[in-house]
Amino acid sequence: MLKGHLDAIVLAALAGEPAHGYAIIEEIRRRSGGVFNLPEGTVYPALHRLEKAGAVNSDWTTAPSGRRRRVYTLTPQGRASLDHHRDVWRDFVRAIDTMMASGDPGAPLGDEPPWPTR
């Protein structure tokens, strides 16, 4: 279900503040209620792709432990991309809601289909 939405999810995780890769993974997990438990091998390629596209910048920093890590920041282009992803998502959800409710406009969702089933 994430196919086609990973970049938007990563951008949304960075919308609040800059973060290193593991913190982005944790933010995605937290904000999705644990539904999106993404491995590093999924998120880091997305971050590199977004950086190449100009949607995020990264800089090396040193953690209090002395360990170096790369911190990613949303760029103005990345924020515009996130806004576009949000608009597209809202349109998609609205269309799906309309499709799911159509057929029998008075029937609540979850009712039996209007055709015979086995």
N, C-alpha and C. Protein backbone atom coordinates (compact mmCIF):
# COMPACT_ATOMS: atom_id res chain seq x y z
N MET A 1 0.81 -1.20 0.00
CA MET A 1 0.00 0.00 0.00
C MET A 1 0.86 1.27 0.00
N LEU A 2 2.12 1.13 0.36
CA LEU A 2 2.99 2.31 0.38
C LEU A 2 3.49 2.69 -1.01
N LYS A 3 3.32 1.78 -1.97
CA LYS A 3 3.84 2.04 -3.30
C LYS A 3 3.33 3.39 -3.82
N GLY A 4 4.24 4.24 -4.19
CA GLY A 4 3.87 5.54 -4.70
C GLY A 4 3.68 6.61 -3.63
N HIS A 5 3.74 6.23 -2.36
CA HIS A 5 3.50 7.19 -1.28
C HIS A 5 4.69 7.37 -0.34
N LEU A 6 5.74 6.58 -0.54
CA LEU A 6 6.87 6.61 0.38
C LEU A 6 7.51 8.00 0.46
N ASP A 7 7.76 8.63 -0.68
CA ASP A 7 8.38 9.95 -0.66
C ASP A 7 7.53 10.95 0.12
N ALA A 8 6.23 10.92 -0.08
CA ALA A 8 5.34 11.82 0.64
C ALA A 8 5.39 11.55 2.14
N ILE A 9 5.45 10.29 2.53
CA ILE A 9 5.51 9.94 3.95
C ILE A 9 6.81 10.43 4.57
N VAL A 10 7.91 10.27 3.86
CA VAL A 10 9.21 10.75 4.36
C VAL A 10 9.20 12.27 4.47
N LEU A 11 8.69 12.94 3.45
CA LEU A 11 8.61 14.41 3.50
C LEU A 11 7.75 14.86 4.68
N ALA A 12 6.63 14.19 4.90
CA ALA A 12 5.75 14.55 6.01
C ALA A 12 6.45 14.36 7.35
N ALA A 13 7.26 13.31 7.47
CA ALA A 13 7.99 13.07 8.71
C ALA A 13 9.02 14.16 8.98
N LEU A 14 9.53 14.78 7.91
CA LEU A 14 10.52 15.85 8.05
C LEU A 14 9.90 17.24 8.16
N ALA A 15 8.60 17.35 8.00
CA ALA A 15 7.95 18.66 7.97
C ALA A 15 8.10 19.43 9.27
N GLY A 16 8.20 18.74 10.38
CA GLY A 16 8.28 19.41 11.68
C GLY A 16 9.65 19.97 11.98
N GLU A 17 10.68 19.17 11.76
CA GLU A 17 12.04 19.61 12.07
C GLU A 17 13.04 18.68 11.39
N PRO A 18 14.28 19.15 11.23
CA PRO A 18 15.32 18.29 10.66
C PRO A 18 15.52 17.05 11.53
N ALA A 19 15.94 15.96 10.90
CA ALA A 19 16.13 14.72 11.65
C ALA A 19 17.12 13.81 10.92
N HIS A 20 17.75 12.94 11.68
CA HIS A 20 18.61 11.92 11.08
C HIS A 20 17.74 10.73 10.67
N GLY A 21 18.30 9.85 9.88
CA GLY A 21 17.53 8.75 9.29
C GLY A 21 16.75 7.92 10.28
N TYR A 22 17.39 7.48 11.36
CA TYR A 22 16.70 6.64 12.32
C TYR A 22 15.54 7.39 12.98
N ALA A 23 15.74 8.68 13.25
CA ALA A 23 14.66 9.49 13.85
C ALA A 23 13.49 9.63 12.88
N ILE A 24 13.78 9.68 11.59
CA ILE A 24 12.71 9.75 10.58
C ILE A 24 11.91 8.45 10.60
N ILE A 25 12.62 7.32 10.66
CA ILE A 25 11.97 6.01 10.73
C ILE A 25 11.07 5.93 11.96
N GLU A 26 11.59 6.39 13.10
CA GLU A 26 10.81 6.37 14.34
C GLU A 26 9.60 7.30 14.26
N GLU A 27 9.76 8.46 13.63
CA GLU A 27 8.65 9.41 13.50
C GLU A 27 7.55 8.82 12.62
N ILE A 28 7.94 8.15 11.55
CA ILE A 28 6.96 7.50 10.68
C ILE A 28 6.22 6.41 11.46
N ARG A 29 6.95 5.63 12.22
CA ARG A 29 6.34 4.56 13.03
C ARG A 29 5.38 5.16 14.06
N ARG A 30 5.83 6.22 14.74
CA ARG A 30 5.02 6.84 15.79
C ARG A 30 3.75 7.44 15.21
N ARG A 31 3.88 8.23 14.15
CA ARG A 31 2.73 8.94 13.60
C ARG A 31 1.75 8.00 12.91
N SER A 32 2.20 6.83 12.50
CA SER A 32 1.30 5.87 11.86
C SER A 32 0.73 4.88 12.88
N GLY A 33 1.01 5.08 14.15
CA GLY A 33 0.53 4.16 15.17
C GLY A 33 1.14 2.78 15.05
N GLY A 34 2.36 2.72 14.50
CA GLY A 34 3.06 1.45 14.34
C GLY A 34 2.72 0.70 13.07
N VAL A 35 1.81 1.23 12.27
CA VAL A 35 1.42 0.56 11.03
C VAL A 35 2.58 0.56 10.04
N PHE A 36 3.29 1.67 9.94
CA PHE A 36 4.43 1.76 9.03
C PHE A 36 5.71 1.55 9.82
N ASN A 37 6.19 0.35 9.81
CA ASN A 37 7.44 -0.02 10.49
C ASN A 37 8.46 -0.28 9.40
N LEU A 38 9.02 0.80 8.85
CA LEU A 38 9.85 0.71 7.66
C LEU A 38 11.30 0.40 7.99
N PRO A 39 11.93 -0.48 7.23
CA PRO A 39 13.34 -0.78 7.45
C PRO A 39 14.23 0.33 6.88
N GLU A 40 15.45 0.42 7.39
CA GLU A 40 16.39 1.42 6.90
C GLU A 40 16.60 1.30 5.40
N GLY A 41 16.60 0.07 4.90
CA GLY A 41 16.80 -0.18 3.48
C GLY A 41 15.70 0.36 2.59
N THR A 42 14.62 0.80 3.18
CA THR A 42 13.53 1.44 2.44
C THR A 42 13.63 2.95 2.54
N VAL A 43 13.93 3.45 3.73
CA VAL A 43 13.91 4.89 3.98
C VAL A 43 15.15 5.60 3.42
N TYR A 44 16.33 5.01 3.62
CA TYR A 44 17.54 5.70 3.16
C TYR A 44 17.59 5.89 1.64
N PRO A 45 17.21 4.91 0.84
CA PRO A 45 17.16 5.18 -0.61
C PRO A 45 16.16 6.29 -0.96
N ALA A 46 15.04 6.36 -0.24
CA ALA A 46 14.08 7.44 -0.48
C ALA A 46 14.70 8.79 -0.13
N LEU A 47 15.42 8.85 0.99
CA LEU A 47 16.08 10.10 1.38
C LEU A 47 17.11 10.53 0.32
N HIS A 48 17.88 9.58 -0.17
CA HIS A 48 18.88 9.91 -1.21
C HIS A 48 18.21 10.39 -2.49
N ARG A 49 17.10 9.74 -2.85
CA ARG A 49 16.35 10.15 -4.04
C ARG A 49 15.78 11.57 -3.85
N LEU A 50 15.22 11.84 -2.67
CA LEU A 50 14.66 13.16 -2.38
C LEU A 50 15.74 14.23 -2.34
N GLU A 51 16.92 13.87 -1.84
CA GLU A 51 18.02 14.83 -1.82
C GLU A 51 18.49 15.14 -3.25
N LYS A 52 18.61 14.12 -4.06
CA LYS A 52 19.01 14.32 -5.46
C LYS A 52 18.01 15.19 -6.21
N ALA A 53 16.72 15.06 -5.85
CA ALA A 53 15.66 15.85 -6.49
C ALA A 53 15.56 17.27 -5.92
N GLY A 54 16.31 17.58 -4.85
CA GLY A 54 16.28 18.91 -4.27
C GLY A 54 15.20 19.12 -3.23
N ALA A 55 14.52 18.04 -2.82
CA ALA A 55 13.43 18.16 -1.84
C ALA A 55 13.96 18.19 -0.41
N VAL A 56 15.13 17.62 -0.17
CA VAL A 56 15.77 17.67 1.14
C VAL A 56 17.25 17.99 0.98
N ASN A 57 17.81 18.58 2.00
CA ASN A 57 19.25 18.79 2.12
C ASN A 57 19.74 17.94 3.28
N SER A 58 21.03 17.66 3.29
CA SER A 58 21.59 16.94 4.43
C SER A 58 22.94 17.52 4.80
N ASP A 59 23.25 17.42 6.08
CA ASP A 59 24.54 17.85 6.61
C ASP A 59 24.98 16.85 7.65
N TRP A 60 26.28 16.67 7.75
CA TRP A 60 26.82 15.80 8.79
C TRP A 60 26.89 16.59 10.10
N THR A 61 26.46 15.95 11.18
CA THR A 61 26.57 16.54 12.51
C THR A 61 27.19 15.51 13.43
N THR A 62 27.60 15.97 14.59
CA THR A 62 28.15 15.06 15.59
C THR A 62 27.21 15.01 16.78
N ALA A 63 26.76 13.81 17.10
CA ALA A 63 25.86 13.60 18.24
C ALA A 63 26.62 13.79 19.54
N PRO A 64 25.93 14.01 20.66
CA PRO A 64 26.62 14.14 21.95
C PRO A 64 27.53 12.94 22.28
N SER A 65 27.19 11.79 21.73
CA SER A 65 28.00 10.59 21.97
C SER A 65 29.29 10.62 21.17
N GLY A 66 29.41 11.60 20.25
CA GLY A 66 30.59 11.68 19.40
C GLY A 66 30.40 11.01 18.05
N ARG A 67 29.29 10.34 17.88
CA ARG A 67 29.02 9.64 16.64
C ARG A 67 28.53 10.63 15.58
N ARG A 68 29.07 10.52 14.37
CA ARG A 68 28.63 11.38 13.26
C ARG A 68 27.38 10.79 12.62
N ARG A 69 26.48 11.68 12.27
CA ARG A 69 25.28 11.24 11.57
C ARG A 69 24.81 12.33 10.62
N ARG A 70 24.09 11.90 9.60
CA ARG A 70 23.58 12.83 8.59
C ARG A 70 22.18 13.28 9.01
N VAL A 71 21.98 14.59 9.02
CA VAL A 71 20.69 15.16 9.38
C VAL A 71 20.07 15.74 8.12
N TYR A 72 18.80 15.40 7.92
CA TYR A 72 18.06 15.81 6.72
C TYR A 72 17.10 16.94 7.06
N THR A 73 17.00 17.90 6.14
CA THR A 73 16.14 19.07 6.30
C THR A 73 15.28 19.23 5.05
N LEU A 74 14.03 19.53 5.25
CA LEU A 74 13.12 19.80 4.15
C LEU A 74 13.49 21.13 3.51
N THR A 75 13.59 21.19 2.20
CA THR A 75 13.86 22.43 1.48
C THR A 75 12.54 23.10 1.10
N PRO A 76 12.59 24.35 0.65
CA PRO A 76 11.35 24.97 0.15
C PRO A 76 10.72 24.14 -0.99
N GLN A 77 11.55 23.58 -1.84
CA GLN A 77 11.04 22.72 -2.91
C GLN A 77 10.39 21.47 -2.33
N GLY A 78 10.97 20.93 -1.26
CA GLY A 78 10.41 19.77 -0.60
C GLY A 78 9.07 20.08 0.06
N ARG A 79 8.97 21.27 0.65
CA ARG A 79 7.70 21.68 1.27
C ARG A 79 6.62 21.82 0.20
N ALA A 80 6.97 22.41 -0.95
CA ALA A 80 6.01 22.54 -2.04
C ALA A 80 5.60 21.15 -2.55
N SER A 81 6.56 20.24 -2.63
CA SER A 81 6.26 18.88 -3.05
C SER A 81 5.33 18.19 -2.05
N LEU A 82 5.58 18.38 -0.76
CA LEU A 82 4.71 17.82 0.27
C LEU A 82 3.30 18.38 0.16
N ASP A 83 3.19 19.68 -0.03
CA ASP A 83 1.86 20.31 -0.20
C ASP A 83 1.14 19.70 -1.40
N HIS A 84 1.86 19.48 -2.50
CA HIS A 84 1.26 18.87 -3.69
C HIS A 84 0.81 17.44 -3.39
N HIS A 85 1.68 16.65 -2.71
CA HIS A 85 1.31 15.28 -2.33
C HIS A 85 0.05 15.27 -1.47
N ARG A 86 -0.05 16.22 -0.55
CA ARG A 86 -1.24 16.29 0.31
C ARG A 86 -2.50 16.58 -0.50
N ASP A 87 -2.40 17.51 -1.45
CA ASP A 87 -3.56 17.83 -2.30
C ASP A 87 -3.99 16.62 -3.12
N VAL A 88 -3.01 15.93 -3.71
CA VAL A 88 -3.31 14.74 -4.50
C VAL A 88 -3.94 13.67 -3.62
N TRP A 89 -3.41 13.50 -2.41
CA TRP A 89 -3.94 12.49 -1.49
C TRP A 89 -5.39 12.81 -1.11
N ARG A 90 -5.67 14.06 -0.81
CA ARG A 90 -7.04 14.45 -0.44
C ARG A 90 -8.02 14.17 -1.59
N ASP A 91 -7.60 14.49 -2.82
CA ASP A 91 -8.44 14.21 -3.98
C ASP A 91 -8.67 12.71 -4.14
N PHE A 92 -7.62 11.93 -3.93
CA PHE A 92 -7.71 10.47 -4.04
C PHE A 92 -8.68 9.90 -3.00
N VAL A 93 -8.53 10.34 -1.76
CA VAL A 93 -9.39 9.85 -0.68
C VAL A 93 -10.84 10.23 -0.95
N ARG A 94 -11.05 11.45 -1.41
CA ARG A 94 -12.42 11.90 -1.72
C ARG A 94 -13.02 11.02 -2.83
N ALA A 95 -12.23 10.70 -3.86
CA ALA A 95 -12.72 9.88 -4.97
C ALA A 95 -13.02 8.45 -4.49
N ILE A 96 -12.17 7.89 -3.66
CA ILE A 96 -12.40 6.54 -3.13
C ILE A 96 -13.66 6.54 -2.26
N ASP A 97 -13.79 7.54 -1.39
CA ASP A 97 -15.00 7.63 -0.56
C ASP A 97 -16.26 7.69 -1.41
N THR A 98 -16.21 8.48 -2.47
CA THR A 98 -17.36 8.60 -3.36
C THR A 98 -17.66 7.27 -4.04
N MET A 99 -16.63 6.59 -4.50
CA MET A 99 -16.82 5.30 -5.16
C MET A 99 -17.39 4.27 -4.19
N MET A 100 -16.89 4.23 -3.00
CA MET A 100 -17.35 3.25 -2.03
C MET A 100 -18.80 3.50 -1.61
N ALA A 101 -19.22 4.74 -1.62
CA ALA A 101 -20.57 5.08 -1.20
C ALA A 101 -21.56 5.02 -2.35
N SER A 102 -21.07 4.96 -3.60
CA SER A 102 -22.00 4.98 -4.74
C SER A 102 -22.54 3.59 -5.04
N GLY A 103 -23.49 3.52 -5.92
CA GLY A 103 -24.16 2.26 -6.24
C GLY A 103 -25.55 2.32 -5.67
N ASP A 104 -25.64 2.36 -4.37
CA ASP A 104 -26.92 2.55 -3.68
C ASP A 104 -26.69 3.73 -2.74
N PRO A 105 -27.00 4.94 -3.18
CA PRO A 105 -26.68 6.12 -2.39
C PRO A 105 -27.22 6.10 -0.97
N GLY A 106 -28.29 5.35 -0.73
CA GLY A 106 -28.86 5.31 0.61
C GLY A 106 -28.26 4.24 1.50
N ALA A 107 -27.47 3.33 0.92
CA ALA A 107 -26.93 2.21 1.70
C ALA A 107 -25.67 2.64 2.44
N PRO A 108 -25.60 2.35 3.73
CA PRO A 108 -24.36 2.64 4.45
C PRO A 108 -23.25 1.72 3.95
N LEU A 109 -22.03 2.16 4.08
CA LEU A 109 -20.89 1.34 3.68
C LEU A 109 -20.89 0.05 4.48
N GLY A 110 -20.49 -1.05 3.83
CA GLY A 110 -20.42 -2.32 4.52
C GLY A 110 -21.63 -3.19 4.32
N ASP A 111 -22.71 -2.66 3.70
CA ASP A 111 -23.88 -3.48 3.41
C ASP A 111 -23.55 -4.50 2.33
N GLU A 112 -24.42 -5.47 2.21
CA GLU A 112 -24.25 -6.49 1.18
C GLU A 112 -24.30 -5.83 -0.19
N PRO A 113 -23.54 -6.35 -1.16
CA PRO A 113 -23.58 -5.78 -2.51
C PRO A 113 -24.95 -6.02 -3.14
N PRO A 114 -25.35 -5.18 -4.12
CA PRO A 114 -26.66 -5.29 -4.73
C PRO A 114 -26.76 -6.44 -5.73
N TRP A 115 -25.68 -7.22 -5.94
CA TRP A 115 -25.70 -8.35 -6.87
C TRP A 115 -25.66 -9.65 -6.08
N PRO A 116 -26.12 -10.74 -6.71
CA PRO A 116 -26.13 -12.03 -5.99
C PRO A 116 -24.71 -12.53 -5.72
N THR A 117 -24.51 -13.11 -4.57
CA THR A 117 -23.21 -13.71 -4.22
C THR A 117 -23.43 -15.19 -3.97
N ARG A 118 -22.38 -15.94 -4.07
CA ARG A 118 -22.48 -17.39 -3.85
C ARG A 118 -22.55 -17.74 -2.41
